Amino acid sequence: MLEHGIYPEESELEALLPVSVGVGKGDKVYYMLHKLRTSVRWVSPSTANLIMNWFHSKEAARVGKIKWDSRLIREAIENGGGGWDGQGWLGKGKYYVFRTTIGADGLCKCSGEKLATIQID
């Protein structure tokens, strides 16, 4: 698709995501989540379920770097904004995933944390 200048939108990514999740291709899942991040303001409930399935999977707990350069991560976040580091999966272990909503004040109803403001491409 990319070689022909076709950039996937949510519907294409939603169709591709279960394939990568199903075969445990963490690098592809990471790539598709990045594409969703840059091209979709919010995901549909069905895409959210696919993402949750990934983070509940055994493979998601296995992928990831144990050692990384925190300086590179900090620089990438500062340059990319919004907490995006682009360095791949960092850390290993079980994820805890919850559905939540965000209040008008920018606070997460689950954690109470205030969301960072990011520049949307």
N, C-alpha and C. Protein backbone atom coordinates (compact mmCIF):
# COMPACT_ATOMS: atom_id res chain seq x y z
N MET A 1 0.83 -1.19 0.00
CA MET A 1 0.00 0.00 0.00
C MET A 1 0.88 1.25 0.00
N LEU A 2 1.86 1.27 0.92
CA LEU A 2 2.69 2.46 1.06
C LEU A 2 3.51 2.74 -0.19
N GLU A 3 3.97 1.68 -0.85
CA GLU A 3 4.76 1.84 -2.07
C GLU A 3 3.96 2.54 -3.17
N HIS A 4 2.65 2.44 -3.11
CA HIS A 4 1.78 3.04 -4.11
C HIS A 4 1.11 4.32 -3.61
N GLY A 5 1.62 4.85 -2.49
CA GLY A 5 1.09 6.10 -1.97
C GLY A 5 -0.27 5.99 -1.32
N ILE A 6 -0.65 4.78 -0.93
CA ILE A 6 -1.94 4.56 -0.27
C ILE A 6 -1.68 4.43 1.22
N TYR A 7 -2.21 5.34 1.99
CA TYR A 7 -1.99 5.33 3.42
C TYR A 7 -3.25 4.83 4.11
N PRO A 8 -3.11 3.80 4.94
CA PRO A 8 -4.29 3.19 5.55
C PRO A 8 -4.97 4.12 6.54
N GLU A 9 -6.28 4.05 6.54
CA GLU A 9 -7.09 4.75 7.52
C GLU A 9 -7.58 3.72 8.53
N GLU A 10 -8.45 4.12 9.43
CA GLU A 10 -8.86 3.21 10.50
C GLU A 10 -9.43 1.90 9.96
N SER A 11 -10.29 1.97 8.95
CA SER A 11 -10.92 0.73 8.47
C SER A 11 -9.89 -0.27 7.95
N GLU A 12 -8.86 0.20 7.24
CA GLU A 12 -7.82 -0.70 6.76
C GLU A 12 -6.97 -1.23 7.92
N LEU A 13 -6.62 -0.34 8.83
CA LEU A 13 -5.83 -0.77 9.98
C LEU A 13 -6.61 -1.75 10.86
N GLU A 14 -7.92 -1.52 10.98
CA GLU A 14 -8.76 -2.42 11.75
C GLU A 14 -8.80 -3.81 11.10
N ALA A 15 -8.74 -3.86 9.78
CA ALA A 15 -8.72 -5.14 9.09
C ALA A 15 -7.37 -5.84 9.22
N LEU A 16 -6.29 -5.07 9.26
CA LEU A 16 -4.93 -5.64 9.33
C LEU A 16 -4.52 -6.00 10.76
N LEU A 17 -5.01 -5.26 11.72
CA LEU A 17 -4.58 -5.44 13.11
C LEU A 17 -4.80 -6.86 13.65
N PRO A 18 -5.96 -7.50 13.44
CA PRO A 18 -6.15 -8.83 14.01
C PRO A 18 -5.18 -9.87 13.44
N VAL A 19 -4.73 -9.65 12.21
CA VAL A 19 -3.77 -10.58 11.63
C VAL A 19 -2.46 -10.53 12.42
N SER A 20 -1.96 -9.33 12.64
CA SER A 20 -0.71 -9.18 13.39
C SER A 20 -0.86 -9.61 14.84
N VAL A 21 -2.00 -9.29 15.45
CA VAL A 21 -2.25 -9.71 16.82
C VAL A 21 -2.32 -11.24 16.89
N GLY A 22 -3.02 -11.84 15.93
CA GLY A 22 -3.22 -13.29 15.92
C GLY A 22 -1.94 -14.09 15.78
N VAL A 23 -0.97 -13.54 15.05
CA VAL A 23 0.30 -14.26 14.87
C VAL A 23 1.41 -13.71 15.76
N GLY A 24 1.07 -12.78 16.64
CA GLY A 24 2.02 -12.27 17.61
C GLY A 24 3.13 -11.42 17.02
N LYS A 25 2.84 -10.67 15.97
CA LYS A 25 3.84 -9.80 15.33
C LYS A 25 3.84 -8.44 16.02
N GLY A 26 4.55 -8.36 17.14
CA GLY A 26 4.58 -7.15 17.94
C GLY A 26 5.06 -5.93 17.19
N ASP A 27 6.05 -6.09 16.29
CA ASP A 27 6.55 -4.95 15.55
C ASP A 27 5.49 -4.38 14.62
N LYS A 28 4.68 -5.23 14.04
CA LYS A 28 3.60 -4.77 13.16
C LYS A 28 2.48 -4.12 13.97
N VAL A 29 2.17 -4.68 15.13
CA VAL A 29 1.15 -4.08 16.00
C VAL A 29 1.60 -2.68 16.40
N TYR A 30 2.87 -2.56 16.79
CA TYR A 30 3.43 -1.26 17.17
C TYR A 30 3.28 -0.26 16.02
N TYR A 31 3.62 -0.70 14.82
CA TYR A 31 3.52 0.16 13.63
C TYR A 31 2.07 0.60 13.41
N MET A 32 1.13 -0.34 13.50
CA MET A 32 -0.27 0.01 13.25
C MET A 32 -0.83 0.93 14.34
N LEU A 33 -0.41 0.72 15.58
CA LEU A 33 -0.86 1.62 16.63
C LEU A 33 -0.32 3.03 16.40
N HIS A 34 0.91 3.12 15.91
CA HIS A 34 1.46 4.44 15.56
C HIS A 34 0.65 5.07 14.43
N LYS A 35 0.30 4.29 13.40
CA LYS A 35 -0.49 4.82 12.30
C LYS A 35 -1.85 5.30 12.80
N LEU A 36 -2.47 4.53 13.70
CA LEU A 36 -3.75 4.97 14.28
C LEU A 36 -3.55 6.29 15.03
N ARG A 37 -2.46 6.37 15.78
CA ARG A 37 -2.18 7.56 16.57
C ARG A 37 -2.06 8.80 15.69
N THR A 38 -1.45 8.65 14.52
CA THR A 38 -1.21 9.81 13.67
C THR A 38 -2.35 10.12 12.70
N SER A 39 -3.27 9.18 12.50
CA SER A 39 -4.28 9.41 11.47
C SER A 39 -5.72 9.41 11.98
N VAL A 40 -5.96 9.01 13.21
CA VAL A 40 -7.33 8.87 13.72
C VAL A 40 -7.45 9.62 15.04
N ARG A 41 -8.47 10.45 15.16
CA ARG A 41 -8.66 11.19 16.42
C ARG A 41 -9.15 10.29 17.55
N TRP A 42 -10.04 9.38 17.25
CA TRP A 42 -10.48 8.37 18.21
C TRP A 42 -10.83 7.12 17.43
N VAL A 43 -10.72 5.98 18.08
CA VAL A 43 -10.97 4.72 17.38
C VAL A 43 -12.38 4.24 17.68
N SER A 44 -12.91 3.43 16.77
CA SER A 44 -14.23 2.84 16.94
C SER A 44 -14.18 1.81 18.05
N PRO A 45 -15.33 1.44 18.60
CA PRO A 45 -15.36 0.40 19.64
C PRO A 45 -14.74 -0.91 19.18
N SER A 46 -14.94 -1.29 17.92
CA SER A 46 -14.37 -2.55 17.44
C SER A 46 -12.85 -2.49 17.37
N THR A 47 -12.30 -1.34 16.96
CA THR A 47 -10.85 -1.19 16.94
C THR A 47 -10.31 -1.16 18.37
N ALA A 48 -11.02 -0.50 19.27
CA ALA A 48 -10.60 -0.47 20.68
C ALA A 48 -10.55 -1.89 21.25
N ASN A 49 -11.51 -2.73 20.88
CA ASN A 49 -11.50 -4.13 21.35
C ASN A 49 -10.29 -4.88 20.82
N LEU A 50 -9.94 -4.65 19.56
CA LEU A 50 -8.75 -5.30 18.99
C LEU A 50 -7.49 -4.88 19.74
N ILE A 51 -7.40 -3.60 20.04
CA ILE A 51 -6.23 -3.09 20.77
C ILE A 51 -6.18 -3.69 22.17
N MET A 52 -7.33 -3.75 22.83
CA MET A 52 -7.37 -4.36 24.17
C MET A 52 -6.97 -5.83 24.11
N ASN A 53 -7.43 -6.54 23.07
CA ASN A 53 -7.05 -7.96 22.92
C ASN A 53 -5.54 -8.11 22.81
N TRP A 54 -4.89 -7.20 22.08
CA TRP A 54 -3.43 -7.26 21.98
C TRP A 54 -2.80 -7.12 23.37
N PHE A 55 -3.20 -6.10 24.11
CA PHE A 55 -2.56 -5.84 25.40
C PHE A 55 -2.90 -6.89 26.45
N HIS A 56 -3.96 -7.66 26.23
CA HIS A 56 -4.27 -8.77 27.13
C HIS A 56 -3.59 -10.08 26.71
N SER A 57 -2.93 -10.08 25.55
CA SER A 57 -2.33 -11.31 25.03
C SER A 57 -1.01 -11.65 25.71
N LYS A 58 -0.66 -12.92 25.67
CA LYS A 58 0.63 -13.37 26.21
C LYS A 58 1.77 -12.78 25.40
N GLU A 59 1.58 -12.66 24.09
CA GLU A 59 2.65 -12.13 23.24
C GLU A 59 2.97 -10.68 23.59
N ALA A 60 1.97 -9.88 23.90
CA ALA A 60 2.22 -8.48 24.28
C ALA A 60 3.09 -8.41 25.52
N ALA A 61 2.90 -9.35 26.44
CA ALA A 61 3.72 -9.36 27.67
C ALA A 61 5.15 -9.79 27.38
N ARG A 62 5.37 -10.50 26.27
CA ARG A 62 6.71 -11.00 25.94
C ARG A 62 7.54 -10.03 25.12
N VAL A 63 6.90 -9.24 24.25
CA VAL A 63 7.68 -8.34 23.39
C VAL A 63 8.19 -7.17 24.21
N GLY A 64 9.21 -6.56 23.76
CA GLY A 64 9.70 -5.36 24.42
C GLY A 64 11.16 -5.46 24.81
N LYS A 65 11.77 -4.30 24.89
CA LYS A 65 13.17 -4.20 25.27
C LYS A 65 13.27 -4.15 26.79
N ILE A 66 14.27 -4.84 27.31
CA ILE A 66 14.52 -4.76 28.75
C ILE A 66 15.48 -3.61 29.05
N LYS A 67 16.42 -3.38 28.14
CA LYS A 67 17.37 -2.28 28.31
C LYS A 67 17.17 -1.27 27.19
N TRP A 68 17.16 0.00 27.53
CA TRP A 68 17.06 1.04 26.53
C TRP A 68 17.76 2.27 27.07
N ASP A 69 18.07 3.18 26.17
CA ASP A 69 18.76 4.42 26.51
C ASP A 69 17.71 5.47 26.87
N SER A 70 17.61 5.78 28.14
CA SER A 70 16.57 6.72 28.58
C SER A 70 16.79 8.11 27.99
N ARG A 71 18.03 8.47 27.68
CA ARG A 71 18.30 9.76 27.05
C ARG A 71 17.64 9.83 25.67
N LEU A 72 17.77 8.74 24.89
CA LEU A 72 17.13 8.70 23.57
C LEU A 72 15.62 8.79 23.67
N ILE A 73 15.06 8.13 24.65
CA ILE A 73 13.60 8.16 24.85
C ILE A 73 13.16 9.58 25.20
N ARG A 74 13.88 10.21 26.13
CA ARG A 74 13.54 11.57 26.55
C ARG A 74 13.61 12.53 25.35
N GLU A 75 14.67 12.41 24.56
CA GLU A 75 14.82 13.28 23.38
C GLU A 75 13.70 13.05 22.36
N ALA A 76 13.36 11.79 22.14
CA ALA A 76 12.30 11.47 21.18
C ALA A 76 10.96 12.03 21.64
N ILE A 77 10.69 11.93 22.92
CA ILE A 77 9.43 12.48 23.46
C ILE A 77 9.41 13.99 23.30
N GLU A 78 10.53 14.63 23.62
CA GLU A 78 10.60 16.09 23.49
C GLU A 78 10.43 16.53 22.04
N ASN A 79 11.02 15.78 21.11
CA ASN A 79 10.94 16.13 19.69
C ASN A 79 9.60 15.75 19.07
N GLY A 80 9.02 14.63 19.52
CA GLY A 80 7.77 14.15 18.93
C GLY A 80 6.53 14.63 19.62
N GLY A 81 6.63 14.97 20.88
CA GLY A 81 5.48 15.46 21.62
C GLY A 81 4.50 14.37 22.00
N GLY A 82 3.67 14.63 22.97
CA GLY A 82 2.59 13.76 23.35
C GLY A 82 2.99 12.41 23.91
N GLY A 83 4.22 12.26 24.37
CA GLY A 83 4.64 11.00 24.95
C GLY A 83 5.09 9.96 23.94
N TRP A 84 5.10 10.30 22.66
CA TRP A 84 5.49 9.34 21.62
C TRP A 84 7.01 9.28 21.56
N ASP A 85 7.57 8.06 21.68
CA ASP A 85 9.03 7.92 21.60
C ASP A 85 9.49 7.23 20.33
N GLY A 86 8.64 6.40 19.70
CA GLY A 86 8.99 5.75 18.45
C GLY A 86 10.09 4.72 18.57
N GLN A 87 10.39 4.27 19.77
CA GLN A 87 11.51 3.35 19.98
C GLN A 87 11.07 1.90 20.06
N GLY A 88 9.82 1.61 19.84
CA GLY A 88 9.34 0.24 19.96
C GLY A 88 8.82 -0.03 21.36
N TRP A 89 8.52 -1.29 21.62
CA TRP A 89 7.97 -1.67 22.93
C TRP A 89 9.07 -1.58 23.98
N LEU A 90 8.83 -0.84 25.02
CA LEU A 90 9.80 -0.68 26.10
C LEU A 90 9.30 -1.43 27.33
N GLY A 91 10.10 -2.34 27.83
CA GLY A 91 9.73 -3.12 29.00
C GLY A 91 8.93 -4.35 28.64
N LYS A 92 8.93 -5.29 29.54
CA LYS A 92 8.19 -6.54 29.34
C LYS A 92 7.26 -6.74 30.52
N GLY A 93 6.27 -7.55 30.32
CA GLY A 93 5.37 -7.88 31.41
C GLY A 93 3.93 -7.64 31.06
N LYS A 94 3.08 -8.00 31.98
CA LYS A 94 1.65 -7.91 31.79
C LYS A 94 1.18 -6.46 31.78
N TYR A 95 0.28 -6.16 30.85
CA TYR A 95 -0.34 -4.84 30.80
C TYR A 95 -1.66 -4.87 31.56
N TYR A 96 -2.01 -3.74 32.12
CA TYR A 96 -3.32 -3.57 32.75
C TYR A 96 -4.07 -2.54 31.92
N VAL A 97 -5.17 -2.97 31.32
CA VAL A 97 -5.90 -2.15 30.38
C VAL A 97 -7.30 -1.90 30.91
N PHE A 98 -7.71 -0.64 30.87
CA PHE A 98 -9.03 -0.26 31.36
C PHE A 98 -9.69 0.68 30.36
N ARG A 99 -11.00 0.57 30.25
CA ARG A 99 -11.76 1.55 29.47
C ARG A 99 -12.05 2.71 30.40
N THR A 100 -12.00 3.90 29.84
CA THR A 100 -12.26 5.08 30.64
C THR A 100 -12.81 6.19 29.76
N THR A 101 -13.12 7.29 30.36
CA THR A 101 -13.51 8.49 29.63
C THR A 101 -12.65 9.64 30.15
N ILE A 102 -12.66 10.70 29.39
CA ILE A 102 -11.90 11.89 29.76
C ILE A 102 -12.89 13.02 29.99
N GLY A 103 -12.75 13.67 31.12
CA GLY A 103 -13.64 14.79 31.44
C GLY A 103 -13.30 16.03 30.65
N ALA A 104 -14.18 17.00 30.66
CA ALA A 104 -13.97 18.26 29.95
C ALA A 104 -12.73 18.98 30.48
N ASP A 105 -12.33 18.64 31.71
CA ASP A 105 -11.15 19.25 32.32
C ASP A 105 -9.85 18.55 31.90
N GLY A 106 -9.96 17.51 31.06
CA GLY A 106 -8.77 16.80 30.59
C GLY A 106 -8.30 15.71 31.53
N LEU A 107 -9.09 15.42 32.59
CA LEU A 107 -8.69 14.39 33.55
C LEU A 107 -9.26 13.03 33.16
N CYS A 108 -8.40 12.01 33.26
CA CYS A 108 -8.83 10.64 33.02
C CYS A 108 -9.69 10.20 34.20
N LYS A 109 -10.88 9.67 33.92
CA LYS A 109 -11.80 9.25 34.97
C LYS A 109 -11.30 7.99 35.70
N CYS A 110 -10.36 7.25 35.10
CA CYS A 110 -9.83 6.03 35.72
C CYS A 110 -8.65 6.35 36.63
N SER A 111 -7.67 7.08 36.12
CA SER A 111 -6.44 7.31 36.88
C SER A 111 -6.40 8.65 37.59
N GLY A 112 -7.22 9.60 37.13
CA GLY A 112 -7.18 10.94 37.71
C GLY A 112 -6.07 11.80 37.13
N GLU A 113 -5.30 11.25 36.19
CA GLU A 113 -4.20 11.99 35.57
C GLU A 113 -4.74 12.96 34.52
N LYS A 114 -4.08 14.09 34.40
CA LYS A 114 -4.44 15.07 33.37
C LYS A 114 -3.70 14.71 32.09
N LEU A 115 -4.44 14.65 30.98
CA LEU A 115 -3.84 14.32 29.69
C LEU A 115 -2.99 15.49 29.21
N ALA A 116 -1.88 15.15 28.57
CA ALA A 116 -1.03 16.16 27.97
C ALA A 116 -1.68 16.66 26.68
N THR A 117 -1.50 17.91 26.40
CA THR A 117 -1.96 18.47 25.14
C THR A 117 -0.91 18.16 24.09
N ILE A 118 -1.36 17.63 22.95
CA ILE A 118 -0.42 17.32 21.86
C ILE A 118 -0.83 18.04 20.61
N GLN A 119 0.15 18.29 19.76
CA GLN A 119 -0.13 18.88 18.46
C GLN A 119 -0.60 17.79 17.53
N ILE A 120 -1.73 17.97 16.90
CA ILE A 120 -2.27 16.98 15.97
C ILE A 120 -1.75 17.29 14.58
N ASP A 121 -1.19 16.28 13.94
CA ASP A 121 -0.66 16.44 12.58
C ASP A 121 -1.77 16.78 11.60
